Amino acid sequence: VRELLELWGFSGPAHETISVVAGETVGSDDFLDEFRFAAAAEV
């Protein structure tokens, strides 16, 4: 939905993409894209 609205010219809340260090191993099924909710901080 966000992608659709932004392409149509409507800007929403910030959603910055950054690189983080995985604190523990995150498994995924390699046949799909996984979007895993996480908690991040400067450590």
PDB file of all heavy atoms in Angstrom:
ATOM      1  N   VAL A   1       0.836  -1.201   0.000  1.00  0.00           N
ATOM      2  CA  VAL A   1       0.000   0.000   0.000  1.00  0.00           C
ATOM      3  C   VAL A   1       0.872   1.252   0.000  1.00  0.00           C
ATOM      4  O   VAL A   1       0.610   2.217  -0.739  1.00  0.00           O
ATOM      5  CB  VAL A   1      -0.960  -0.011   1.208  1.00  0.00           C
ATOM      6  CG1 VAL A   1      -1.813   1.256   1.215  1.00  0.00           C
ATOM      7  CG2 VAL A   1      -1.842  -1.252   1.184  1.00  0.00           C
ATOM      8  N   ARG A   2       1.911   1.246   0.813  1.00  0.00           N
ATOM      9  CA  ARG A   2       2.818   2.396   0.838  1.00  0.00           C
ATOM     10  C   ARG A   2       3.438   2.626  -0.544  1.00  0.00           C
ATOM     11  O   ARG A   2       3.509   3.770  -1.032  1.00  0.00           O
ATOM     12  CB  ARG A   2       3.915   2.176   1.874  1.00  0.00           C
ATOM     13  CG  ARG A   2       4.878   3.343   1.922  1.00  0.00           C
ATOM     14  CD  ARG A   2       6.071   3.097   2.805  1.00  0.00           C
ATOM     15  NE  ARG A   2       6.666   4.400   3.060  1.00  0.00           N
ATOM     16  CZ  ARG A   2       6.679   5.006   4.225  1.00  0.00           C
ATOM     17  NH1 ARG A   2       6.185   4.418   5.275  1.00  0.00           N
ATOM     18  NH2 ARG A   2       7.198   6.216   4.359  1.00  0.00           N
ATOM     19  N   GLU A   3       3.905   1.557  -1.176  1.00  0.00           N
ATOM     20  CA  GLU A   3       4.516   1.686  -2.503  1.00  0.00           C
ATOM     21  C   GLU A   3       3.545   2.325  -3.479  1.00  0.00           C
ATOM     22  O   GLU A   3       3.909   3.220  -4.253  1.00  0.00           O
ATOM     23  CB  GLU A   3       4.939   0.299  -2.996  1.00  0.00           C
ATOM     24  CG  GLU A   3       5.684   0.307  -4.314  1.00  0.00           C
ATOM     25  CD  GLU A   3       7.120   0.763  -4.196  1.00  0.00           C
ATOM     26  OE1 GLU A   3       7.637   0.829  -3.052  1.00  0.00           O
ATOM     27  OE2 GLU A   3       7.750   1.052  -5.238  1.00  0.00           O
ATOM     28  N   LEU A   4       2.300   1.882  -3.450  1.00  0.00           N
ATOM     29  CA  LEU A   4       1.281   2.428  -4.343  1.00  0.00           C
ATOM     30  C   LEU A   4       1.074   3.917  -4.094  1.00  0.00           C
ATOM     31  O   LEU A   4       1.096   4.732  -5.029  1.00  0.00           O
ATOM     32  CB  LEU A   4      -0.028   1.657  -4.138  1.00  0.00           C
ATOM     33  CG  LEU A   4      -1.176   1.987  -5.101  1.00  0.00           C
ATOM     34  CD1 LEU A   4      -0.853   1.502  -6.497  1.00  0.00           C
ATOM     35  CD2 LEU A   4      -2.471   1.358  -4.602  1.00  0.00           C
ATOM     36  N   LEU A   5       0.910   4.297  -2.837  1.00  0.00           N
ATOM     37  CA  LEU A   5       0.645   5.702  -2.518  1.00  0.00           C
ATOM     38  C   LEU A   5       1.824   6.598  -2.865  1.00  0.00           C
ATOM     39  O   LEU A   5       1.649   7.714  -3.375  1.00  0.00           O
ATOM     40  CB  LEU A   5       0.284   5.839  -1.034  1.00  0.00           C
ATOM     41  CG  LEU A   5      -1.089   5.273  -0.636  1.00  0.00           C
ATOM     42  CD1 LEU A   5      -1.283   5.351   0.866  1.00  0.00           C
ATOM     43  CD2 LEU A   5      -2.211   6.010  -1.358  1.00  0.00           C
ATOM     44  N   GLU A   6       3.030   6.134  -2.594  1.00  0.00           N
ATOM     45  CA  GLU A   6       4.199   6.961  -2.901  1.00  0.00           C
ATOM     46  C   GLU A   6       4.368   7.136  -4.409  1.00  0.00           C
ATOM     47  O   GLU A   6       4.749   8.215  -4.870  1.00  0.00           O
ATOM     48  CB  GLU A   6       5.447   6.369  -2.268  1.00  0.00           C
ATOM     49  CG  GLU A   6       5.454   6.501  -0.743  1.00  0.00           C
ATOM     50  CD  GLU A   6       6.771   6.096  -0.117  1.00  0.00           C
ATOM     51  OE1 GLU A   6       7.540   5.353  -0.762  1.00  0.00           O
ATOM     52  OE2 GLU A   6       7.021   6.522   1.031  1.00  0.00           O
ATOM     53  N   LEU A   7       4.089   6.101  -5.183  1.00  0.00           N
ATOM     54  CA  LEU A   7       4.151   6.231  -6.641  1.00  0.00           C
ATOM     55  C   LEU A   7       3.091   7.200  -7.148  1.00  0.00           C
ATOM     56  O   LEU A   7       3.277   7.852  -8.180  1.00  0.00           O
ATOM     57  CB  LEU A   7       3.978   4.861  -7.291  1.00  0.00           C
ATOM     58  CG  LEU A   7       5.183   3.921  -7.190  1.00  0.00           C
ATOM     59  CD1 LEU A   7       4.803   2.515  -7.636  1.00  0.00           C
ATOM     60  CD2 LEU A   7       6.345   4.436  -8.038  1.00  0.00           C
ATOM     61  N   TRP A   8       1.980   7.302  -6.436  1.00  0.00           N
ATOM     62  CA  TRP A   8       0.923   8.226  -6.820  1.00  0.00           C
ATOM     63  C   TRP A   8       1.171   9.633  -6.271  1.00  0.00           C
ATOM     64  O   TRP A   8       0.363  10.525  -6.483  1.00  0.00           O
ATOM     65  CB  TRP A   8      -0.429   7.711  -6.336  1.00  0.00           C
ATOM     66  CG  TRP A   8      -0.921   6.511  -7.082  1.00  0.00           C
ATOM     67  CD1 TRP A   8      -0.206   5.669  -7.896  1.00  0.00           C
ATOM     68  CD2 TRP A   8      -2.253   5.997  -7.083  1.00  0.00           C
ATOM     69  NE1 TRP A   8      -0.995   4.674  -8.387  1.00  0.00           N
ATOM     70  CE2 TRP A   8      -2.258   4.838  -7.914  1.00  0.00           C
ATOM     71  CE3 TRP A   8      -3.430   6.372  -6.462  1.00  0.00           C
ATOM     72  CZ2 TRP A   8      -3.418   4.087  -8.141  1.00  0.00           C
ATOM     73  CZ3 TRP A   8      -4.577   5.614  -6.675  1.00  0.00           C
ATOM     74  CH2 TRP A   8      -4.572   4.488  -7.510  1.00  0.00           C
ATOM     75  N   GLY A   9       2.262   9.812  -5.547  1.00  0.00           N
ATOM     76  CA  GLY A   9       2.644  11.151  -5.102  1.00  0.00           C
ATOM     77  C   GLY A   9       2.290  11.506  -3.678  1.00  0.00           C
ATOM     78  O   GLY A   9       2.380  12.672  -3.298  1.00  0.00           O
ATOM     79  N   PHE A  10       1.935  10.516  -2.849  1.00  0.00           N
ATOM     80  CA  PHE A  10       1.561  10.795  -1.462  1.00  0.00           C
ATOM     81  C   PHE A  10       2.646  10.254  -0.533  1.00  0.00           C
ATOM     82  O   PHE A  10       2.903   9.051  -0.502  1.00  0.00           O
ATOM     83  CB  PHE A  10       0.206  10.152  -1.127  1.00  0.00           C
ATOM     84  CG  PHE A  10      -0.927  10.721  -1.925  1.00  0.00           C
ATOM     85  CD1 PHE A  10      -1.258  10.180  -3.161  1.00  0.00           C
ATOM     86  CD2 PHE A  10      -1.649  11.807  -1.461  1.00  0.00           C
ATOM     87  CE1 PHE A  10      -2.288  10.701  -3.912  1.00  0.00           C
ATOM     88  CE2 PHE A  10      -2.685  12.342  -2.209  1.00  0.00           C
ATOM     89  CZ  PHE A  10      -3.014  11.790  -3.438  1.00  0.00           C
ATOM     90  N   SER A  11       3.278  11.157   0.207  1.00  0.00           N
ATOM     91  CA  SER A  11       4.385  10.769   1.087  1.00  0.00           C
ATOM     92  C   SER A  11       3.863  10.488   2.491  1.00  0.00           C
ATOM     93  O   SER A  11       3.030  11.227   3.017  1.00  0.00           O
ATOM     94  CB  SER A  11       5.431  11.884   1.145  1.00  0.00           C
ATOM     95  OG  SER A  11       5.971  12.103  -0.145  1.00  0.00           O
ATOM     96  N   GLY A  12       4.408   9.431   3.084  1.00  0.00           N
ATOM     97  CA  GLY A  12       3.995   9.049   4.430  1.00  0.00           C
ATOM     98  C   GLY A  12       5.129   9.173   5.419  1.00  0.00           C
ATOM     99  O   GLY A  12       6.075   9.937   5.206  1.00  0.00           O
ATOM    100  N   PRO A  13       5.087   8.415   6.507  1.00  0.00           N
ATOM    101  CA  PRO A  13       6.110   8.491   7.542  1.00  0.00           C
ATOM    102  C   PRO A  13       7.448   7.984   7.021  1.00  0.00           C
ATOM    103  O   PRO A  13       7.527   7.208   6.066  1.00  0.00           O
ATOM    104  CB  PRO A  13       5.560   7.586   8.651  1.00  0.00           C
ATOM    105  CG  PRO A  13       4.648   6.632   7.945  1.00  0.00           C
ATOM    106  CD  PRO A  13       4.050   7.409   6.822  1.00  0.00           C
ATOM    107  N   ALA A  14       8.527   8.435   7.672  1.00  0.00           N
ATOM    108  CA  ALA A  14       9.872   8.019   7.273  1.00  0.00           C
ATOM    109  C   ALA A  14      10.030   6.514   7.417  1.00  0.00           C
ATOM    110  O   ALA A  14       9.470   5.899   8.317  1.00  0.00           O
ATOM    111  CB  ALA A  14      10.907   8.745   8.134  1.00  0.00           C
ATOM    112  N   HIS A  15      10.785   5.927   6.498  1.00  0.00           N
ATOM    113  CA  HIS A  15      11.068   4.489   6.577  1.00  0.00           C
ATOM    114  C   HIS A  15      12.476   4.261   6.038  1.00  0.00           C
ATOM    115  O   HIS A  15      12.674   3.723   4.961  1.00  0.00           O
ATOM    116  CB  HIS A  15      10.020   3.650   5.838  1.00  0.00           C
ATOM    117  CG  HIS A  15       9.882   3.986   4.369  1.00  0.00           C
ATOM    118  ND1 HIS A  15       9.838   3.021   3.387  1.00  0.00           N
ATOM    119  CD2 HIS A  15       9.780   5.159   3.721  1.00  0.00           C
ATOM    120  CE1 HIS A  15       9.722   3.590   2.204  1.00  0.00           C
ATOM    121  NE2 HIS A  15       9.666   4.896   2.384  1.00  0.00           N
ATOM    122  N   GLU A  16      13.444   4.682   6.829  1.00  0.00           N
ATOM    123  CA  GLU A  16      14.834   4.619   6.401  1.00  0.00           C
ATOM    124  C   GLU A  16      15.344   3.176   6.409  1.00  0.00           C
ATOM    125  O   GLU A  16      15.119   2.425   7.356  1.00  0.00           O
ATOM    126  CB  GLU A  16      15.687   5.480   7.345  1.00  0.00           C
ATOM    127  CG  GLU A  16      17.150   5.580   6.932  1.00  0.00           C
ATOM    128  CD  GLU A  16      17.934   6.507   7.837  1.00  0.00           C
ATOM    129  OE1 GLU A  16      17.344   7.091   8.759  1.00  0.00           O
ATOM    130  OE2 GLU A  16      19.154   6.638   7.607  1.00  0.00           O
ATOM    131  N   THR A  17      16.033   2.805   5.338  1.00  0.00           N
ATOM    132  CA  THR A  17      16.654   1.486   5.250  1.00  0.00           C
ATOM    133  C   THR A  17      18.124   1.600   5.640  1.00  0.00           C
ATOM    134  O   THR A  17      18.850   2.433   5.091  1.00  0.00           O
ATOM    135  CB  THR A  17      16.547   0.908   3.832  1.00  0.00           C
ATOM    136  OG1 THR A  17      15.166   0.800   3.471  1.00  0.00           O
ATOM    137  CG2 THR A  17      17.184  -0.468   3.755  1.00  0.00           C
ATOM    138  N   ILE A  18      18.542   0.778   6.598  1.00  0.00           N
ATOM    139  CA  ILE A  18      19.915   0.816   7.078  1.00  0.00           C
ATOM    140  C   ILE A  18      20.470  -0.604   7.148  1.00  0.00           C
ATOM    141  O   ILE A  18      19.726  -1.580   7.030  1.00  0.00           O
ATOM    142  CB  ILE A  18      20.036   1.488   8.463  1.00  0.00           C
ATOM    143  CG1 ILE A  18      19.284   0.659   9.522  1.00  0.00           C
ATOM    144  CG2 ILE A  18      19.521   2.916   8.430  1.00  0.00           C
ATOM    145  CD1 ILE A  18      19.519   1.120  10.944  1.00  0.00           C
ATOM    146  N   SER A  19      21.774  -0.707   7.322  1.00  0.00           N
ATOM    147  CA  SER A  19      22.406  -1.998   7.547  1.00  0.00           C
ATOM    148  C   SER A  19      22.628  -2.166   9.041  1.00  0.00           C
ATOM    149  O   SER A  19      23.137  -1.265   9.715  1.00  0.00           O
ATOM    150  CB  SER A  19      23.741  -2.074   6.801  1.00  0.00           C
ATOM    151  OG  SER A  19      24.372  -3.312   7.027  1.00  0.00           O
ATOM    152  N   VAL A  20      22.234  -3.337   9.573  1.00  0.00           N
ATOM    153  CA  VAL A  20      22.405  -3.620  10.994  1.00  0.00           C
ATOM    154  C   VAL A  20      23.159  -4.942  11.134  1.00  0.00           C
ATOM    155  O   VAL A  20      23.282  -5.720  10.183  1.00  0.00           O
ATOM    156  CB  VAL A  20      21.049  -3.710  11.727  1.00  0.00           C
ATOM    157  CG1 VAL A  20      20.281  -2.413  11.604  1.00  0.00           C
ATOM    158  CG2 VAL A  20      20.217  -4.879  11.191  1.00  0.00           C
ATOM    159  N   VAL A  21      23.649  -5.183  12.343  1.00  0.00           N
ATOM    160  CA  VAL A  21      24.291  -6.457  12.656  1.00  0.00           C
ATOM    161  C   VAL A  21      23.253  -7.371  13.286  1.00  0.00           C
ATOM    162  O   VAL A  21      22.571  -6.981  14.244  1.00  0.00           O
ATOM    163  CB  VAL A  21      25.480  -6.240  13.617  1.00  0.00           C
ATOM    164  CG1 VAL A  21      26.076  -7.582  14.032  1.00  0.00           C
ATOM    165  CG2 VAL A  21      26.537  -5.364  12.966  1.00  0.00           C
ATOM    166  N   ALA A  22      23.121  -8.573  12.752  1.00  0.00           N
ATOM    167  CA  ALA A  22      22.200  -9.538  13.347  1.00  0.00           C
ATOM    168  C   ALA A  22      22.751  -9.976  14.698  1.00  0.00           C
ATOM    169  O   ALA A  22      23.856 -10.506  14.792  1.00  0.00           O
ATOM    170  CB  ALA A  22      22.020 -10.740  12.428  1.00  0.00           C
ATOM    171  N   GLY A  23      21.981  -9.750  15.776  1.00  0.00           N
ATOM    172  CA  GLY A  23      22.439 -10.117  17.111  1.00  0.00           C
ATOM    173  C   GLY A  23      22.436 -11.612  17.339  1.00  0.00           C
ATOM    174  O   GLY A  23      23.195 -12.129  18.167  1.00  0.00           O
ATOM    175  N   GLU A  24      21.573 -12.328  16.631  1.00  0.00           N
ATOM    176  CA  GLU A  24      21.540 -13.783  16.674  1.00  0.00           C
ATOM    177  C   GLU A  24      21.112 -14.283  15.308  1.00  0.00           C
ATOM    178  O   GLU A  24      20.604 -13.519  14.478  1.00  0.00           O
ATOM    179  CB  GLU A  24      20.597 -14.287  17.767  1.00  0.00           C
ATOM    180  CG  GLU A  24      19.155 -13.855  17.633  1.00  0.00           C
ATOM    181  CD  GLU A  24      18.304 -14.349  18.798  1.00  0.00           C
ATOM    182  OE1 GLU A  24      18.805 -15.142  19.603  1.00  0.00           O
ATOM    183  OE2 GLU A  24      17.139 -13.936  18.880  1.00  0.00           O
ATOM    184  N   THR A  25      21.321 -15.527  15.038  1.00  0.00           N
ATOM    185  CA  THR A  25      21.004 -16.090  13.734  1.00  0.00           C
ATOM    186  C   THR A  25      19.498 -16.015  13.469  1.00  0.00           C
ATOM    187  O   THR A  25      18.684 -16.369  14.324  1.00  0.00           O
ATOM    188  CB  THR A  25      21.492 -17.546  13.640  1.00  0.00           C
ATOM    189  OG1 THR A  25      22.924 -17.549  13.755  1.00  0.00           O
ATOM    190  CG2 THR A  25      21.096 -18.170  12.317  1.00  0.00           C
ATOM    191  N   VAL A  26      19.164 -15.522  12.274  1.00  0.00           N
ATOM    192  CA  VAL A  26      17.773 -15.398  11.859  1.00  0.00           C
ATOM    193  C   VAL A  26      17.545 -16.365  10.713  1.00  0.00           C
ATOM    194  O   VAL A  26      18.063 -16.177   9.607  1.00  0.00           O
ATOM    195  CB  VAL A  26      17.445 -13.957  11.407  1.00  0.00           C
ATOM    196  CG1 VAL A  26      15.961 -13.826  11.094  1.00  0.00           C
ATOM    197  CG2 VAL A  26      17.862 -12.953  12.464  1.00  0.00           C
ATOM    198  N   GLY A  27      16.791 -17.428  10.970  1.00  0.00           N
ATOM    199  CA  GLY A  27      16.512 -18.416   9.941  1.00  0.00           C
ATOM    200  C   GLY A  27      15.387 -17.984   9.040  1.00  0.00           C
ATOM    201  O   GLY A  27      14.507 -17.204   9.424  1.00  0.00           O
ATOM    202  N   SER A  28      15.395 -18.475   7.805  1.00  0.00           N
ATOM    203  CA  SER A  28      14.343 -18.135   6.851  1.00  0.00           C
ATOM    204  C   SER A  28      14.184 -19.285   5.864  1.00  0.00           C
ATOM    205  O   SER A  28      15.079 -20.110   5.701  1.00  0.00           O
ATOM    206  CB  SER A  28      14.699 -16.846   6.102  1.00  0.00           C
ATOM    207  OG  SER A  28      13.689 -16.492   5.181  1.00  0.00           O
ATOM    208  N   ASP A  29      13.039 -19.341   5.211  1.00  0.00           N
ATOM    209  CA  ASP A  29      12.827 -20.299   4.133  1.00  0.00           C
ATOM    210  C   ASP A  29      13.373 -19.696   2.853  1.00  0.00           C
ATOM    211  O   ASP A  29      12.948 -18.596   2.464  1.00  0.00           O
ATOM    212  CB  ASP A  29      11.333 -20.598   3.970  1.00  0.00           C
ATOM    213  CG  ASP A  29      10.742 -21.214   5.230  1.00  0.00           C
ATOM    214  OD1 ASP A  29      11.417 -22.066   5.838  1.00  0.00           O
ATOM    215  OD2 ASP A  29       9.615 -20.829   5.605  1.00  0.00           O
ATOM    216  N   ASP A  30      14.307 -20.385   2.202  1.00  0.00           N
ATOM    217  CA  ASP A  30      15.007 -19.747   1.094  1.00  0.00           C
ATOM    218  C   ASP A  30      14.160 -19.583  -0.167  1.00  0.00           C
ATOM    219  O   ASP A  30      14.602 -18.973  -1.134  1.00  0.00           O
ATOM    220  CB  ASP A  30      16.306 -20.496   0.761  1.00  0.00           C
ATOM    221  CG  ASP A  30      16.075 -21.954   0.377  1.00  0.00           C
ATOM    222  OD1 ASP A  30      14.902 -22.346   0.249  1.00  0.00           O
ATOM    223  OD2 ASP A  30      17.068 -22.677   0.214  1.00  0.00           O
ATOM    224  N   PHE A  31      12.907 -20.084  -0.158  1.00  0.00           N
ATOM    225  CA  PHE A  31      12.060 -19.918  -1.342  1.00  0.00           C
ATOM    226  C   PHE A  31      11.185 -18.671  -1.245  1.00  0.00           C
ATOM    227  O   PHE A  31      10.355 -18.417  -2.122  1.00  0.00           O
ATOM    228  CB  PHE A  31      11.169 -21.157  -1.546  1.00  0.00           C
ATOM    229  CG  PHE A  31      10.196 -21.404  -0.434  1.00  0.00           C
ATOM    230  CD1 PHE A  31       8.936 -20.834  -0.448  1.00  0.00           C
ATOM    231  CD2 PHE A  31      10.549 -22.206   0.648  1.00  0.00           C
ATOM    232  CE1 PHE A  31       8.043 -21.057   0.585  1.00  0.00           C
ATOM    233  CE2 PHE A  31       9.657 -22.436   1.675  1.00  0.00           C
ATOM    234  CZ  PHE A  31       8.401 -21.863   1.649  1.00  0.00           C
ATOM    235  N   LEU A  32      11.358 -17.878  -0.175  1.00  0.00           N
ATOM    236  CA  LEU A  32      10.538 -16.677  -0.039  1.00  0.00           C
ATOM    237  C   LEU A  32      11.340 -15.518   0.547  1.00  0.00           C
ATOM    238  O   LEU A  32      12.451 -15.694   1.051  1.00  0.00           O
ATOM    239  CB  LEU A  32       9.297 -16.959   0.809  1.00  0.00           C
ATOM    240  CG  LEU A  32       9.444 -17.649   2.172  1.00  0.00           C
ATOM    241  CD1 LEU A  32      10.040 -16.735   3.215  1.00  0.00           C
ATOM    242  CD2 LEU A  32       8.069 -18.145   2.641  1.00  0.00           C
ATOM    243  N   ASP A  33      10.769 -14.315   0.459  1.00  0.00           N
ATOM    244  CA  ASP A  33      11.305 -13.130   1.132  1.00  0.00           C
ATOM    245  C   ASP A  33      10.686 -13.075   2.517  1.00  0.00           C
ATOM    246  O   ASP A  33       9.449 -13.117   2.649  1.00  0.00           O
ATOM    247  CB  ASP A  33      10.957 -11.856   0.365  1.00  0.00           C
ATOM    248  CG  ASP A  33      11.793 -11.665  -0.889  1.00  0.00           C
ATOM    249  OD1 ASP A  33      11.497 -12.337  -1.906  1.00  0.00           O
ATOM    250  OD2 ASP A  33      12.724 -10.863  -0.848  1.00  0.00           O
ATOM    251  N   GLU A  34      11.537 -12.986   3.540  1.00  0.00           N
ATOM    252  CA  GLU A  34      11.009 -12.884   4.897  1.00  0.00           C
ATOM    253  C   GLU A  34      11.243 -11.493   5.449  1.00  0.00           C
ATOM    254  O   GLU A  34      12.342 -10.925   5.331  1.00  0.00           O
ATOM    255  CB  GLU A  34      11.641 -13.919   5.827  1.00  0.00           C
ATOM    256  CG  GLU A  34      11.134 -13.783   7.260  1.00  0.00           C
ATOM    257  CD  GLU A  34      11.199 -15.061   8.062  1.00  0.00           C
ATOM    258  OE1 GLU A  34      11.702 -16.065   7.540  1.00  0.00           O
ATOM    259  OE2 GLU A  34      10.747 -15.054   9.217  1.00  0.00           O
ATOM    260  N   PHE A  35      10.199 -10.949   6.072  1.00  0.00           N
ATOM    261  CA  PHE A  35      10.265  -9.633   6.709  1.00  0.00           C
ATOM    262  C   PHE A  35      10.017  -9.864   8.193  1.00  0.00           C
ATOM    263  O   PHE A  35       8.885 -10.062   8.630  1.00  0.00           O
ATOM    264  CB  PHE A  35       9.237  -8.689   6.080  1.00  0.00           C
ATOM    265  CG  PHE A  35       9.467  -8.488   4.611  1.00  0.00           C
ATOM    266  CD1 PHE A  35       8.855  -9.326   3.680  1.00  0.00           C
ATOM    267  CD2 PHE A  35      10.318  -7.505   4.153  1.00  0.00           C
ATOM    268  CE1 PHE A  35       9.087  -9.176   2.324  1.00  0.00           C
ATOM    269  CE2 PHE A  35      10.555  -7.343   2.798  1.00  0.00           C
ATOM    270  CZ  PHE A  35       9.933  -8.178   1.882  1.00  0.00           C
ATOM    271  N   ARG A  36      11.083  -9.815   8.963  1.00  0.00           N
ATOM    272  CA  ARG A  36      11.037 -10.208  10.376  1.00  0.00           C
ATOM    273  C   ARG A  36      11.069  -8.982  11.263  1.00  0.00           C
ATOM    274  O   ARG A  36      12.012  -8.164  11.195  1.00  0.00           O
ATOM    275  CB  ARG A  36      12.245 -11.112  10.666  1.00  0.00           C
ATOM    276  CG  ARG A  36      12.253 -11.759  12.032  1.00  0.00           C
ATOM    277  CD  ARG A  36      11.358 -12.988  12.071  1.00  0.00           C
ATOM    278  NE  ARG A  36      11.570 -13.719  13.320  1.00  0.00           N
ATOM    279  CZ  ARG A  36      12.442 -14.708  13.474  1.00  0.00           C
ATOM    280  NH1 ARG A  36      13.193 -15.112  12.450  1.00  0.00           N
ATOM    281  NH2 ARG A  36      12.549 -15.325  14.634  1.00  0.00           N
ATOM    282  N   PHE A  37      10.070  -8.815  12.083  1.00  0.00           N
ATOM    283  CA  PHE A  37      10.055  -7.709  13.038  1.00  0.00           C
ATOM    284  C   PHE A  37      11.226  -7.875  14.007  1.00  0.00           C
ATOM    285  O   PHE A  37      11.552  -8.993  14.438  1.00  0.00           O
ATOM    286  CB  PHE A  37       8.735  -7.668  13.791  1.00  0.00           C
ATOM    287  CG  PHE A  37       7.605  -7.129  12.970  1.00  0.00           C
ATOM    288  CD1 PHE A  37       6.966  -7.926  12.021  1.00  0.00           C
ATOM    289  CD2 PHE A  37       7.188  -5.821  13.118  1.00  0.00           C
ATOM    290  CE1 PHE A  37       5.931  -7.431  11.253  1.00  0.00           C
ATOM    291  CE2 PHE A  37       6.149  -5.314  12.356  1.00  0.00           C
ATOM    292  CZ  PHE A  37       5.525  -6.120  11.417  1.00  0.00           C
ATOM    293  N   ALA A  38      11.857  -6.754  14.355  1.00  0.00           N
ATOM    294  CA  ALA A  38      13.051  -6.823  15.187  1.00  0.00           C
ATOM    295  C   ALA A  38      13.175  -5.558  16.032  1.00  0.00           C
ATOM    296  O   ALA A  38      12.517  -4.546  15.777  1.00  0.00           O
ATOM    297  CB  ALA A  38      14.299  -6.989  14.314  1.00  0.00           C
ATOM    298  N   ALA A  39      14.041  -5.664  17.051  1.00  0.00           N
ATOM    299  CA  ALA A  39      14.374  -4.517  17.901  1.00  0.00           C
ATOM    300  C   ALA A  39      15.834  -4.178  17.652  1.00  0.00           C
ATOM    301  O   ALA A  39      16.703  -5.058  17.697  1.00  0.00           O
ATOM    302  CB  ALA A  39      14.150  -4.850  19.369  1.00  0.00           C
ATOM    303  N   ALA A  40      16.108  -2.900  17.377  1.00  0.00           N
ATOM    304  CA  ALA A  40      17.471  -2.461  17.066  1.00  0.00           C
ATOM    305  C   ALA A  40      17.884  -1.337  17.993  1.00  0.00           C
ATOM    306  O   ALA A  40      17.055  -0.553  18.473  1.00  0.00           O
ATOM    307  CB  ALA A  40      17.570  -2.006  15.608  1.00  0.00           C
ATOM    308  N   ALA A  41      19.184  -1.267  18.257  1.00  0.00           N
ATOM    309  CA  ALA A  41      19.736  -0.199  19.096  1.00  0.00           C
ATOM    310  C   ALA A  41      21.232  -0.115  18.827  1.00  0.00           C
ATOM    311  O   ALA A  41      21.840  -1.030  18.251  1.00  0.00           O
ATOM    312  CB  ALA A  41      19.472  -0.467  20.580  1.00  0.00           C
ATOM    313  N   GLU A  42      21.803   0.988  19.260  1.00  0.00           N
ATOM    314  CA  GLU A  42      23.255   1.135  19.201  1.00  0.00           C
ATOM    315  C   GLU A  42      23.847   0.422  20.413  1.00  0.00           C
ATOM    316  O   GLU A  42      23.562   0.769  21.558  1.00  0.00           O
ATOM    317  CB  GLU A  42      23.642   2.608  19.204  1.00  0.00           C
ATOM    318  CG  GLU A  42      25.129   2.847  19.057  1.00  0.00           C
ATOM    319  CD  GLU A  42      25.484   4.316  19.054  1.00  0.00           C
ATOM    320  OE1 GLU A  42      24.704   5.126  18.496  1.00  0.00           O
ATOM    321  OE2 GLU A  42      26.542   4.666  19.618  1.00  0.00           O
ATOM    322  N   VAL A  43      24.668  -0.599  20.142  1.00  0.00           N
ATOM    323  CA  VAL A  43      25.292  -1.392  21.199  1.00  0.00           C
ATOM    324  C   VAL A  43      26.798  -1.399  20.959  1.00  0.00           C
ATOM    325  O   VAL A  43      27.260  -1.886  19.921  1.00  0.00           O
ATOM    326  CB  VAL A  43      24.767  -2.847  21.219  1.00  0.00           C
ATOM    327  CG1 VAL A  43      25.395  -3.620  22.377  1.00  0.00           C
ATOM    328  CG2 VAL A  43      23.249  -2.876  21.323  1.00  0.00           C
TER     329      VAL A  43
END
